Amino acid sequence: MVLEITDSNFEELVLKSEKPIVLDFWAQWCGPCKMISPIVDELSEEYNGQVAFGKVDCDNNNGITAKFRIRNIPTLLFFKNGEIVDKHVGVIAKSALAAKLEEIL
């Protein structure tokens, strides 16, 4: 299950998460975002219980987007213990994303 992360629930769902969490910064109009979305959905099922996944709609959550200086989408931020431990900008293959997840576990 992929969580909807907003400016109002970011602290509780991301910073206080006991599991590592991957945030997918996206927008409805973004073609590459639509390419990565099914990969994020699949990995959220495969890593269920180990890693949490969230999506941030950049058009509706300017606070989070500005805080992390998201300028290009899709951008994936990898959090562990409330800290960013990795970042990827652009489309990524499922196998490469899974390898990044294994590194943070």
Protein backbone atom coordinates (compact mmCIF):
# COMPACT_ATOMS: atom_id res chain seq x y z
CA MET A 1 0.00 0.00 0.00
CA VAL A 2 1.30 3.42 -0.95
CA LEU A 3 0.50 6.26 1.45
CA GLU A 4 -0.61 9.69 0.33
CA ILE A 5 1.84 12.09 1.98
CA THR A 6 0.75 15.69 2.43
CA ASP A 7 2.16 18.80 4.05
CA SER A 8 -0.07 18.09 7.06
CA ASN A 9 0.78 14.40 7.64
CA PHE A 10 4.46 14.42 6.57
CA GLU A 11 5.97 14.63 10.05
CA GLU A 12 3.84 11.84 11.49
CA LEU A 13 4.03 9.42 8.56
CA VAL A 14 7.60 10.05 7.40
CA LEU A 15 9.77 11.56 10.12
CA LYS A 16 8.28 9.38 12.86
CA SER A 17 8.13 6.20 10.77
CA GLU A 18 9.73 3.19 12.41
CA LYS A 19 10.39 1.66 8.99
CA PRO A 20 12.43 3.09 6.14
CA ILE A 21 10.16 5.03 3.80
CA VAL A 22 10.48 5.97 0.14
CA LEU A 23 8.76 9.14 -1.03
CA ASP A 24 7.82 9.50 -4.68
CA PHE A 25 7.46 13.18 -5.62
CA TRP A 26 5.19 13.36 -8.68
CA ALA A 27 2.56 15.38 -10.54
CA GLN A 28 -0.49 14.38 -12.57
CA TRP A 29 0.86 15.98 -15.76
CA CYS A 30 4.31 14.32 -15.55
CA GLY A 31 4.91 11.55 -18.12
CA PRO A 32 7.99 10.03 -16.44
CA CYS A 33 6.08 10.01 -13.13
CA LYS A 34 3.46 7.79 -14.76
CA MET A 35 6.24 5.44 -15.85
CA ILE A 36 7.66 5.01 -12.35
CA SER A 37 4.32 4.80 -10.51
CA PRO A 38 3.64 1.09 -11.28
CA ILE A 39 7.18 0.23 -10.15
CA VAL A 40 6.61 1.98 -6.83
CA ASP A 41 3.26 0.21 -6.45
CA GLU A 42 4.80 -3.22 -7.15
CA LEU A 43 7.69 -2.72 -4.74
CA SER A 44 5.33 -1.48 -2.04
CA GLU A 45 3.66 -4.90 -2.18
CA GLU A 46 6.95 -6.83 -2.36
CA TYR A 47 8.48 -4.93 0.57
CA ASN A 48 5.26 -4.75 2.60
CA GLY A 49 6.14 -4.71 6.29
CA GLN A 50 9.80 -3.84 5.65
CA VAL A 51 9.65 -0.50 3.81
CA ALA A 52 6.85 2.06 3.64
CA PHE A 53 6.11 3.95 0.43
CA GLY A 54 4.47 7.32 0.00
CA LYS A 55 3.55 9.62 -2.86
CA VAL A 56 3.74 13.40 -2.67
CA ASP A 57 1.73 15.35 -5.24
CA CYS A 58 4.04 18.31 -5.83
CA ASP A 59 1.25 20.52 -7.17
CA ASN A 60 -0.76 20.22 -3.94
CA ASN A 61 2.01 20.02 -1.31
CA ASN A 62 4.27 23.01 -1.80
CA GLY A 63 5.62 22.86 1.76
CA ILE A 64 7.31 19.45 1.45
CA THR A 65 8.34 20.12 -2.14
CA ALA A 66 10.05 23.39 -1.19
CA LYS A 67 11.60 21.96 1.99
CA PHE A 68 13.49 19.31 0.02
CA ARG A 69 14.13 21.58 -2.97
CA ILE A 70 12.41 19.26 -5.41
CA ARG A 71 13.02 20.82 -8.83
CA ASN A 72 12.69 17.79 -11.12
CA ILE A 73 10.18 14.96 -10.98
CA PRO A 74 9.93 12.14 -10.46
CA THR A 75 12.23 12.37 -7.46
CA LEU A 76 12.53 9.55 -4.93
CA LEU A 77 13.76 10.35 -1.42
CA PHE A 78 14.74 7.47 0.86
CA PHE A 79 14.29 8.11 4.60
CA LYS A 80 15.54 6.04 7.51
CA ASN A 81 15.07 7.14 11.12
CA GLY A 82 13.69 10.47 9.88
CA GLU A 83 16.81 11.28 7.82
CA ILE A 84 17.36 11.22 4.07
CA VAL A 85 19.77 8.39 3.25
CA ASP A 86 19.47 8.33 -0.54
CA LYS A 87 17.93 10.20 -3.47
CA HIS A 88 17.13 9.42 -7.10
CA VAL A 89 15.89 11.83 -9.76
CA GLY A 90 14.20 10.51 -12.91
CA VAL A 91 12.93 7.15 -14.00
CA ILE A 92 14.64 4.11 -12.49
CA ALA A 93 14.45 0.41 -13.34
CA LYS A 94 12.66 -1.79 -10.83
CA SER A 95 15.82 -3.85 -10.24
CA ALA A 96 17.89 -0.72 -9.51
CA LEU A 97 15.26 0.59 -7.12
CA ALA A 98 15.08 -2.78 -5.36
CA ALA A 99 18.89 -2.70 -4.97
CA LYS A 100 18.65 0.73 -3.31
CA LEU A 101 16.00 -0.65 -0.94
CA GLU A 102 18.22 -3.57 0.01
CA GLU A 103 21.02 -1.11 0.86
CA ILE A 104 18.87 0.82 3.34
CA LEU A 105 17.37 -2.24 5.06
